[in-house]
Amino acid sequence: TGNLLKLHMRSHSDERPFACDICPGKFKWEKTLQDHKLIHTKEKPYQCDLCERRFRTRSQFRNHRFLHTGLRPHVCPICSKDFNRPWNLRLHMKTHAGRVPDDGEETKADKMA
């Protein structure tokens, strides 16, 4: 468990022990370095079985799959609008300009129930 603690502590530090041998990039995690190196090779090992599109990283591929599944797991706590990607929700939240729902305020989700 000491090793797990060390890995956890790295997530809170600026330590980046994994260096790219092609560019100056340095990374906290070996997997992140492996994904990064694909940028230099142009390799795209992750392929969508529904549309044949290819991706360099597993995270890009996972985000792409939401387009096919229709899943929209990122929901606005103010208006209940849903999004397939977390960054789309973050952008949307700016439209509310710091507004927080009142305790008794009915949301879109409440109206649909």
C-alpha atoms as a PDB file:
ATOM      1  CA  THR A   1       0.000   0.000   0.000  1.00  0.00           C
ATOM      2  CA  GLY A   2       3.018   2.284   0.330  1.00  0.00           C
ATOM      3  CA  ASN A   3       3.331   2.293  -3.447  1.00  0.00           C
ATOM      4  CA  LEU A   4      -0.332   3.281  -3.812  1.00  0.00           C
ATOM      5  CA  LEU A   5       0.208   6.190  -1.453  1.00  0.00           C
ATOM      6  CA  LYS A   6       3.250   7.284  -3.458  1.00  0.00           C
ATOM      7  CA  LEU A   7       1.206   7.195  -6.680  1.00  0.00           C
ATOM      8  CA  HIS A   8      -1.611   9.124  -5.027  1.00  0.00           C
ATOM      9  CA  MET A   9       0.793  11.761  -3.734  1.00  0.00           C
ATOM     10  CA  ARG A  10       2.192  12.198  -7.263  1.00  0.00           C
ATOM     11  CA  SER A  11      -1.287  13.260  -8.404  1.00  0.00           C
ATOM     12  CA  HIS A  12      -0.990  16.240  -6.030  1.00  0.00           C
ATOM     13  CA  SER A  13       2.586  17.166  -6.937  1.00  0.00           C
ATOM     14  CA  ASP A  14       4.424  18.666  -9.881  1.00  0.00           C
ATOM     15  CA  GLU A  15       6.518  15.494 -10.235  1.00  0.00           C
ATOM     16  CA  ARG A  16       6.630  14.311 -13.860  1.00  0.00           C
ATOM     17  CA  PRO A  17       8.966  11.304 -14.000  1.00  0.00           C
ATOM     18  CA  PHE A  18       8.000  10.097 -17.492  1.00  0.00           C
ATOM     19  CA  ALA A  19       9.804  12.037 -20.242  1.00  0.00           C
ATOM     20  CA  CYS A  20       9.157  11.871 -23.974  1.00  0.00           C
ATOM     21  CA  ASP A  21      12.299  10.917 -25.894  1.00  0.00           C
ATOM     22  CA  ILE A  22      11.129  12.893 -28.938  1.00  0.00           C
ATOM     23  CA  CYS A  23      10.095  16.256 -27.467  1.00  0.00           C
ATOM     24  CA  PRO A  24      10.440  18.087 -24.123  1.00  0.00           C
ATOM     25  CA  GLY A  25       7.126  16.679 -22.830  1.00  0.00           C
ATOM     26  CA  LYS A  26       7.074  15.235 -19.295  1.00  0.00           C
ATOM     27  CA  PHE A  27       4.189  13.387 -17.677  1.00  0.00           C
ATOM     28  CA  LYS A  28       2.998  12.174 -14.283  1.00  0.00           C
ATOM     29  CA  TRP A  29       1.833   8.808 -15.568  1.00  0.00           C
ATOM     30  CA  GLU A  30       3.367   6.252 -17.922  1.00  0.00           C
ATOM     31  CA  LYS A  31       0.025   5.764 -19.717  1.00  0.00           C
ATOM     32  CA  THR A  32      -0.167   9.501 -20.416  1.00  0.00           C
ATOM     33  CA  LEU A  33       3.321   9.355 -21.933  1.00  0.00           C
ATOM     34  CA  GLN A  34       2.319   6.380 -24.095  1.00  0.00           C
ATOM     35  CA  ASP A  35      -0.766   8.252 -25.348  1.00  0.00           C
ATOM     36  CA  HIS A  36       1.358  11.356 -25.963  1.00  0.00           C
ATOM     37  CA  LYS A  37       3.906   9.449 -28.064  1.00  0.00           C
ATOM     38  CA  LEU A  38       1.134   8.543 -30.519  1.00  0.00           C
ATOM     39  CA  ILE A  39       1.044  12.231 -31.496  1.00  0.00           C
ATOM     40  CA  HIS A  40       4.540  11.842 -32.923  1.00  0.00           C
ATOM     41  CA  THR A  41       3.781   8.592 -34.785  1.00  0.00           C
ATOM     42  CA  LYS A  42       0.336   9.631 -36.087  1.00  0.00           C
ATOM     43  CA  GLU A  43      -0.845   6.163 -34.996  1.00  0.00           C
ATOM     44  CA  LYS A  44      -4.523   5.870 -34.021  1.00  0.00           C
ATOM     45  CA  PRO A  45      -4.963   2.464 -32.381  1.00  0.00           C
ATOM     46  CA  TYR A  46      -8.520   2.926 -31.066  1.00  0.00           C
ATOM     47  CA  GLN A  47     -11.201   2.331 -33.712  1.00  0.00           C
ATOM     48  CA  CYS A  48     -14.944   2.805 -33.384  1.00  0.00           C
ATOM     49  CA  ASP A  49     -16.734  -0.364 -34.444  1.00  0.00           C
ATOM     50  CA  LEU A  50     -19.813   1.623 -35.480  1.00  0.00           C
ATOM     51  CA  CYS A  51     -18.348   4.255 -37.792  1.00  0.00           C
ATOM     52  CA  GLU A  52     -14.723   3.136 -38.362  1.00  0.00           C
ATOM     53  CA  ARG A  53     -13.323   6.445 -37.061  1.00  0.00           C
ATOM     54  CA  ARG A  54      -9.943   6.093 -35.331  1.00  0.00           C
ATOM     55  CA  PHE A  55      -8.504   7.831 -32.251  1.00  0.00           C
ATOM     56  CA  ARG A  56      -5.078   8.294 -30.692  1.00  0.00           C
ATOM     57  CA  THR A  57      -6.173   7.984 -27.080  1.00  0.00           C
ATOM     58  CA  ARG A  58      -8.582   5.816 -25.145  1.00  0.00           C
ATOM     59  CA  SER A  59     -10.216   8.907 -23.635  1.00  0.00           C
ATOM     60  CA  GLN A  60     -10.887  10.422 -27.089  1.00  0.00           C
ATOM     61  CA  PHE A  61     -12.435   7.116 -28.137  1.00  0.00           C
ATOM     62  CA  ARG A  62     -14.636   6.901 -25.007  1.00  0.00           C
ATOM     63  CA  ASN A  63     -15.884  10.454 -25.531  1.00  0.00           C
ATOM     64  CA  HIS A  64     -16.662   9.671 -29.172  1.00  0.00           C
ATOM     65  CA  ARG A  65     -18.815   6.668 -28.224  1.00  0.00           C
ATOM     66  CA  PHE A  66     -21.293   8.962 -26.469  1.00  0.00           C
ATOM     67  CA  LEU A  67     -22.284  10.205 -29.937  1.00  0.00           C
ATOM     68  CA  HIS A  68     -23.500   6.714 -30.860  1.00  0.00           C
ATOM     69  CA  THR A  69     -25.047   5.698 -27.534  1.00  0.00           C
ATOM     70  CA  GLY A  70     -26.980   8.908 -27.025  1.00  0.00           C
ATOM     71  CA  LEU A  71     -25.827   8.971 -23.395  1.00  0.00           C
ATOM     72  CA  ARG A  72     -25.682  12.465 -21.966  1.00  0.00           C
ATOM     73  CA  PRO A  73     -24.447  11.910 -18.415  1.00  0.00           C
ATOM     74  CA  HIS A  74     -23.393  15.501 -17.655  1.00  0.00           C
ATOM     75  CA  VAL A  75     -26.457  17.396 -16.371  1.00  0.00           C
ATOM     76  CA  CYS A  76     -26.735  21.074 -15.492  1.00  0.00           C
ATOM     77  CA  PRO A  77     -27.808  21.431 -11.837  1.00  0.00           C
ATOM     78  CA  ILE A  78     -29.651  24.661 -12.648  1.00  0.00           C
ATOM     79  CA  CYS A  79     -31.742  23.949 -15.751  1.00  0.00           C
ATOM     80  CA  SER A  80     -31.232  20.167 -16.141  1.00  0.00           C
ATOM     81  CA  LYS A  81     -29.942  20.477 -19.688  1.00  0.00           C
ATOM     82  CA  ASP A  82     -27.796  17.442 -20.424  1.00  0.00           C
ATOM     83  CA  PHE A  83     -24.545  17.051 -22.340  1.00  0.00           C
ATOM     84  CA  ASN A  84     -22.478  14.183 -23.683  1.00  0.00           C
ATOM     85  CA  ARG A  85     -19.147  15.803 -22.794  1.00  0.00           C
ATOM     86  CA  PRO A  86     -18.052  17.413 -19.515  1.00  0.00           C
ATOM     87  CA  TRP A  87     -16.482  20.434 -21.203  1.00  0.00           C
ATOM     88  CA  ASN A  88     -19.789  21.218 -22.939  1.00  0.00           C
ATOM     89  CA  LEU A  89     -21.462  21.342 -19.525  1.00  0.00           C
ATOM     90  CA  ARG A  90     -18.676  23.617 -18.218  1.00  0.00           C
ATOM     91  CA  LEU A  91     -19.214  26.002 -21.140  1.00  0.00           C
ATOM     92  CA  HIS A  92     -22.975  25.898 -20.612  1.00  0.00           C
ATOM     93  CA  MET A  93     -22.609  26.729 -16.910  1.00  0.00           C
ATOM     94  CA  LYS A  94     -21.131  30.086 -17.912  1.00  0.00           C
ATOM     95  CA  THR A  95     -24.502  31.009 -19.445  1.00  0.00           C
ATOM     96  CA  HIS A  96     -26.023  30.972 -15.968  1.00  0.00           C
ATOM     97  CA  ALA A  97     -23.497  33.596 -14.764  1.00  0.00           C
ATOM     98  CA  GLY A  98     -23.159  32.321 -11.210  1.00  0.00           C
ATOM     99  CA  ARG A  99     -26.859  31.573 -10.710  1.00  0.00           C
ATOM    100  CA  VAL A 100     -27.613  28.770  -8.222  1.00  0.00           C
ATOM    101  CA  PRO A 101     -31.041  27.110  -8.018  1.00  0.00           C
ATOM    102  CA  ASP A 102     -33.140  28.093  -4.999  1.00  0.00           C
ATOM    103  CA  ASP A 103     -34.156  25.264  -2.669  1.00  0.00           C
ATOM    104  CA  GLY A 104     -37.766  25.413  -3.798  1.00  0.00           C
ATOM    105  CA  GLU A 105     -37.071  26.118  -7.467  1.00  0.00           C
ATOM    106  CA  GLU A 106     -38.532  23.607  -9.894  1.00  0.00           C
ATOM    107  CA  THR A 107     -36.042  22.298 -12.445  1.00  0.00           C
ATOM    108  CA  LYS A 108     -36.680  20.854 -15.888  1.00  0.00           C
ATOM    109  CA  ALA A 109     -36.093  17.384 -14.403  1.00  0.00           C
ATOM    110  CA  ASP A 110     -38.789  18.023 -11.755  1.00  0.00           C
ATOM    111  CA  LYS A 111     -41.285  19.087 -14.413  1.00  0.00           C
ATOM    112  CA  MET A 112     -40.657  15.929 -16.442  1.00  0.00           C
ATOM    113  CA  ALA A 113     -41.168  13.616 -13.419  1.00  0.00           C
END
